[in-house]
Structure formats: C-alpha cells, structure tokens
Protein backbone atom coordinates (compact mmCIF):
# COMPACT_ATOMS: atom_id res chain seq x y z
CA UNK A 1 0.00 0.00 0.00
CA UNK A 2 2.84 2.29 0.71
CA UNK A 3 4.15 1.77 -2.86
CA UNK A 4 0.65 2.49 -4.27
CA UNK A 5 0.27 5.73 -2.41
CA UNK A 6 3.70 6.81 -3.52
CA UNK A 7 2.86 6.13 -7.15
CA UNK A 8 -0.36 8.07 -6.88
CA UNK A 9 1.53 10.95 -5.32
CA UNK A 10 3.98 11.11 -8.21
CA UNK A 11 1.15 10.98 -10.73
CA UNK A 12 -0.56 13.88 -8.99
CA UNK A 13 2.63 15.96 -9.05
CA UNK A 14 3.21 15.26 -12.77
CA UNK A 15 -0.37 16.28 -13.57
CA UNK A 16 0.02 19.55 -11.71
CA UNK A 17 3.24 20.31 -13.63
CA UNK A 18 1.53 19.79 -16.99
CA UNK A 19 -1.40 22.07 -16.01
CA UNK A 20 0.87 24.78 -14.78
CA UNK A 21 2.99 24.62 -17.95
CA UNK A 22 -0.09 25.00 -20.16
CA UNK A 23 -1.42 27.93 -18.10
CA UNK A 24 1.96 29.57 -18.36
CA UNK A 25 1.58 29.61 -22.18
CA UNK A 26 -1.83 31.35 -21.95
CA UNK A 27 -3.90 28.25 -22.67
CA UNK A 28 -6.85 27.50 -20.36
CA UNK A 29 -6.94 24.22 -18.52
CA UNK A 30 -10.26 23.41 -20.18
CA UNK A 31 -8.80 23.64 -23.73
CA UNK A 32 -8.27 20.11 -24.93
CA UNK A 33 -6.64 21.10 -28.25
CA UNK A 34 -3.00 20.33 -28.78
CA UNK A 35 -0.96 23.53 -28.22
CA UNK A 36 1.04 24.81 -31.17
CA UNK A 37 4.70 25.04 -30.33
CA UNK A 38 6.45 28.19 -31.62
CA UNK A 39 9.86 27.39 -33.06
CA UNK A 40 12.74 29.25 -31.53
CA UNK A 41 14.75 31.20 -34.15
CA UNK A 42 18.29 32.09 -33.33
CA UNK A 43 19.26 35.43 -34.91
CA UNK A 44 22.92 36.40 -35.06
CA UNK A 45 23.33 40.17 -35.14
CA UNK A 46 25.33 41.51 -38.13
CA UNK A 47 28.27 43.61 -36.97
CA UNK A 48 28.35 47.16 -38.24
CA UNK A 49 31.09 47.84 -40.84
CA UNK A 50 34.26 49.31 -39.43
CA UNK A 51 35.26 52.59 -41.02
CA UNK A 52 38.93 52.23 -41.92
CA UNK A 53 39.19 55.78 -43.24
CA UNK A 54 39.97 54.52 -46.78
CA UNK A 55 37.29 55.50 -49.29
CA UNK A 56 35.86 52.71 -51.41
CA UNK A 57 36.98 53.16 -55.04
CA UNK A 58 34.23 53.93 -57.47
CA UNK A 59 33.63 51.69 -60.50
CA UNK A 60 35.90 52.36 -63.48
CA UNK A 61 33.07 53.68 -65.64
CA UNK A 62 32.09 56.31 -63.10
CA UNK A 63 35.70 57.44 -62.70
CA UNK A 64 36.47 57.86 -66.37
CA UNK A 65 33.16 59.61 -66.97
CA UNK A 66 34.18 62.56 -64.85
CA UNK A 67 37.66 62.99 -66.40
CA UNK A 68 37.63 65.65 -69.12
CA UNK A 69 38.71 64.42 -72.54
CA UNK A 70 41.53 66.93 -72.62
CA UNK A 71 43.10 65.31 -69.57
CA UNK A 72 43.25 61.84 -71.12
CA UNK A 73 46.49 60.74 -72.85
CA UNK A 74 46.38 60.88 -76.64
CA UNK A 75 45.61 57.70 -78.51
CA UNK A 76 48.64 56.01 -80.09
CA UNK A 77 49.30 57.14 -83.64
CA UNK A 78 48.84 54.48 -86.29
CA UNK A 79 51.90 54.10 -88.54
CA UNK A 80 51.05 54.82 -92.13
CA UNK A 81 51.19 51.76 -94.32
CA UNK A 82 53.72 51.51 -97.11
CA UNK A 83 52.11 51.94 -100.54
CA UNK A 84 51.96 48.84 -102.71
CA UNK A 85 54.71 48.97 -105.32
CA UNK A 86 53.55 47.69 -108.66
CA UNK A 87 56.43 47.99 -111.14
CA UNK A 88 58.93 45.38 -109.95
CA UNK A 89 60.05 43.26 -112.92
CA UNK A 90 59.02 39.62 -112.68
CA UNK A 91 56.49 40.28 -109.91
CA UNK A 92 53.08 38.79 -110.82
CA UNK A 93 50.42 41.42 -111.59
CA UNK A 94 48.31 40.60 -108.55
CA UNK A 95 51.25 40.27 -106.13
CA UNK A 96 52.85 42.93 -103.96
CA UNK A 97 56.02 43.13 -101.91
CA UNK A 98 55.74 42.64 -98.17
CA UNK A 99 56.33 45.53 -95.79
CA UNK A 100 60.03 44.77 -95.24
CA UNK A 101 60.73 44.48 -98.95
CA UNK A 102 58.84 47.69 -99.76
CA UNK A 103 60.70 49.68 -97.12
CA UNK A 104 64.05 48.34 -98.33
CA UNK A 105 63.19 49.31 -101.91
CA UNK A 106 62.11 52.79 -100.87
CA UNK A 107 65.41 53.23 -99.05
CA UNK A 108 67.32 52.20 -102.19
CA UNK A 109 65.28 54.62 -104.31
CA UNK A 110 66.10 57.45 -101.93
CA UNK A 111 69.78 56.51 -102.13
CA UNK A 112 69.71 56.65 -105.94
CA UNK A 113 68.09 60.08 -105.86
CA UNK A 114 70.88 61.33 -103.61
CA UNK A 115 73.45 59.76 -105.93
CA UNK A 116 71.88 61.61 -108.87
CA UNK A 117 72.03 64.91 -106.99
CA UNK A 118 75.61 64.46 -105.74
CA UNK A 119 76.94 63.47 -109.15
CA UNK A 120 75.32 66.30 -111.11
CA UNK A 121 72.61 64.09 -112.55
CA UNK A 122 70.99 66.87 -114.56
CA UNK A 123 74.02 66.76 -116.90
CA UNK A 124 73.68 63.01 -117.57
CA UNK A 125 72.78 61.98 -121.09
CA UNK A 126 69.77 59.95 -119.89
CA UNK A 127 68.20 59.99 -116.46
CA UNK A 128 64.52 59.12 -116.92
CA UNK A 129 63.00 58.61 -113.47
CA UNK A 130 66.08 59.71 -111.55
CA UNK A 131 64.74 63.23 -111.16
CA UNK A 132 61.52 61.98 -109.54
CA UNK A 133 60.36 64.09 -106.60
CA UNK A 134 58.48 61.25 -104.88
CA UNK A 135 60.56 58.15 -104.22
CA UNK A 136 57.80 56.83 -101.95
CA UNK A 137 55.21 56.53 -104.71
CA UNK A 138 53.84 53.27 -106.02
CA UNK A 139 56.17 53.57 -109.05
CA UNK A 140 59.55 52.51 -107.70
CA UNK A 141 63.05 53.19 -109.01
CA UNK A 142 62.98 49.74 -110.61
CA UNK A 143 61.51 51.52 -113.64
CA UNK A 144 64.29 54.12 -113.84
CA UNK A 145 66.67 53.99 -116.78
CA UNK A 146 69.99 52.22 -116.07
CA UNK A 147 68.56 50.55 -112.92
CA UNK A 148 67.79 46.84 -112.57
CA UNK A 149 65.94 45.16 -109.69
CA UNK A 150 65.27 41.54 -108.89
CA UNK A 151 61.82 40.03 -108.32
CA UNK A 152 61.64 41.18 -104.68
CA UNK A 153 62.58 44.78 -105.45
CA UNK A 154 66.29 44.73 -104.57
CA UNK A 155 68.45 47.03 -106.70
CA UNK A 156 71.05 44.68 -108.20
CA UNK A 157 72.55 46.50 -111.23
CA UNK A 158 73.62 50.07 -111.97
CA UNK A 159 74.79 50.36 -115.59
CA UNK A 160 75.78 54.00 -115.93
CA UNK A 161 78.55 53.53 -118.49
CA UNK A 162 79.06 56.33 -121.03
CA UNK A 163 76.39 58.56 -119.48
CA UNK A 164 78.48 61.72 -118.93
CA UNK A 165 78.89 61.20 -115.17
CA UNK A 166 81.10 63.88 -113.64
CA UNK A 167 82.82 64.55 -110.35
CA UNK A 168 83.78 62.03 -107.68
CA UNK A 169 82.33 58.60 -107.15
CA UNK A 170 79.79 59.05 -104.37
CA UNK A 171 80.32 57.01 -101.21
CA UNK A 172 76.53 56.72 -100.91
CA UNK A 173 76.77 53.69 -103.20
CA UNK A 174 77.58 51.72 -100.06
CA UNK A 175 73.90 52.03 -99.09
CA UNK A 176 72.85 49.65 -101.86
CA UNK A 177 73.55 46.33 -100.13
CA UNK A 178 71.98 44.19 -102.87
CA UNK A 179 74.17 45.59 -105.64
CA UNK A 180 75.74 42.87 -107.83
CA UNK A 181 77.10 44.89 -110.77
CA UNK A 182 78.34 48.50 -110.75
CA UNK A 183 79.40 49.97 -114.09
CA UNK A 184 80.51 53.60 -114.26
CA UNK A 185 83.05 53.19 -117.04
CA UNK A 186 83.67 55.68 -119.88
CA UNK A 187 82.68 58.81 -118.00
CA UNK A 188 84.44 61.86 -116.57
CA UNK A 189 84.90 60.66 -113.02
CA UNK A 190 87.83 61.96 -110.98
CA UNK A 191 89.25 61.55 -107.50
CA UNK A 192 89.59 58.30 -105.57
CA UNK A 193 87.52 55.16 -105.29
CA UNK A 194 85.53 55.18 -102.02
CA UNK A 195 86.89 52.74 -99.47
CA UNK A 196 83.44 51.97 -98.05
CA UNK A 197 82.42 50.01 -101.16
CA UNK A 198 84.00 47.08 -99.36
CA UNK A 199 80.71 46.73 -97.47
CA UNK A 200 78.84 45.64 -100.61
CA UNK A 201 79.16 41.92 -99.93
CA UNK A 202 77.06 40.90 -102.97
CA UNK A 203 79.10 42.93 -105.47
CA UNK A 204 80.52 40.73 -108.24
CA UNK A 205 81.57 43.19 -110.94
CA UNK A 206 83.08 46.70 -110.61
CA UNK A 207 83.90 48.65 -113.76
CA UNK A 208 85.55 52.08 -113.38
CA UNK A 209 87.73 51.96 -116.49
CA UNK A 210 88.20 54.90 -118.86
CA UNK A 211 87.83 57.66 -116.27
CA UNK A 212 90.24 60.10 -114.63
CA UNK A 213 90.56 58.41 -111.25
CA UNK A 214 93.61 58.87 -109.06
CA UNK A 215 95.06 57.77 -105.75
CA UNK A 216 95.41 54.27 -104.35
CA UNK A 217 93.05 51.48 -105.16
CA UNK A 218 91.44 50.56 -101.82
CA UNK A 219 92.93 47.32 -100.60
CA UNK A 220 89.65 46.52 -98.87
CA UNK A 221 88.10 45.78 -102.26
CA UNK A 222 90.13 42.60 -102.30
CA UNK A 223 88.17 41.39 -99.27
CA UNK A 224 84.81 41.55 -101.04
CA UNK A 225 83.54 37.97 -100.73
CA UNK A 226 81.64 37.92 -104.04
CA UNK A 227 83.92 40.06 -106.24
CA UNK A 228 84.84 38.35 -109.52
CA UNK A 229 85.88 41.19 -111.85
CA UNK A 230 87.43 44.61 -111.22
CA UNK A 231 88.08 46.97 -114.17
CA UNK A 232 90.15 50.10 -113.57
CA UNK A 233 92.37 50.41 -116.66
CA UNK A 234 93.16 53.69 -118.42
CA UNK A 235 93.29 55.70 -115.20
CA UNK A 236 96.96 56.66 -115.39
CA UNK A 237 97.23 58.04 -111.87
CA UNK A 238 95.44 55.14 -110.25
CA UNK A 239 97.75 52.55 -108.71
CA UNK A 240 96.82 49.35 -106.97
CA UNK A 241 98.39 48.01 -103.82
CA UNK A 242 98.46 44.29 -103.24
CA UNK A 243 94.86 43.14 -102.78
CA UNK A 244 94.46 40.96 -99.73
C-alpha cells in the first residue's frame, strides 16, 4: 500500500506540472486542443562595418566619366602603311612586296636620288625617273633607266657607263647592299675610289675603267667575298696596292 500511495503521489505531481505549464503559455486548462509550439529562431546580429578611413573606389566607368577628354592621354598614332609597289620586274600582276621588302626598296630609291644629286645628274645623257620628286610613290626606281631590280625589289645593277657622269664617285653607293654589278666606265669621273664600297658583300663586278681616277686602289676591295671582276684600266694616276 505504501508503494501504491507513492505512485499516486507522483502521478498527482506530474499532472500539476503539466497544467501549470499549459497555463503559463496562456492556454486555459479546459482547452483540450494540442498547443502549437512556436519554433525558436536564433538570430545572429550583423556587426556594423568598421570605417577604416579609406574611401571605397568607385567603378571604373564612373571614374572615367568625370575625367575631361583633354586630360586623357592621346591615342597612339597608327603608322602609315607603305604603298603597294607595282612595277617590280618579274612580280606577278596581282602580287605585292611585303612591308620589309617595300621599305628596303624605298630606301634604295632614296639613295639613288641622292646619288643623282651628288653626281650632277641633270648633266647626264639619260636619267629618266632619276629626277623623280616622290621616291615613296607606287612607281619605284625599278623603272628608272639604267637601274635593274630583282623580283623582290632589290636594286642589283647600276649600268651608268658612257652617261656623262662627272665629279667624284659618291660614297653613298655603299647604301645599296643588294648591288651585284656596278658599271661607271667611260665617264668623266675623278678623284679616288671610295673605301666603303667594301661593305657591298654581294658585289661581283666593278667597272671604273676609262675615267680620270687617281690615288690608291682601296685594298679593302680585295676582301669583297663575291667580287669576280674589277676593271680600272686607263686611269693613269690610279695605282693598286696588293689586294688581300
């Protein structure tokens, strides 16, 4: 009996706890409906941003939009293209030289114009094209009289024999690196042969005979790797040292 009373006592206490818990949630003891439990939501507060004193950079578009155009650096200048050169012998009608070849040919044409000026070209017997005022045009010096170019526009031959050339042989000839044959024979040339012709490594034939040249024959000509023939006869004051 003692055990029974104790069990009844515990049952009574548990019942009182349930009633009190329901009343504490605002539900009457006579309400037999199942109470709705409200879920507990844990909210973590977001910390306020810390002001570091460094301003946040604006987007690129908004920055550039407020810069006056005059303050912006100038756009890079586009290099003008080299005009297509159309009168190179052997070049197919629909083909053109590449940029490197065109620039090299223009340089050679400018060199020939300077040669014409330095050697009194206006007194030459024939000089068609040499007196051109625009060496950068689409008509290259390959079409000039006494000038020969190869298929890629390299000046290879100057045949100026018997053309009433006067004065000294211009050292500017050294700026024609593709030259293979140089003929200035039977003219009125005087002075010495330029020593810097030794830089023309493709030169095979040099003809200066029947002029009025004087002084020593440059020994450096003997070092030209491609030289096969050198004509300098009938220049009484011209003497040749041993060619190395």
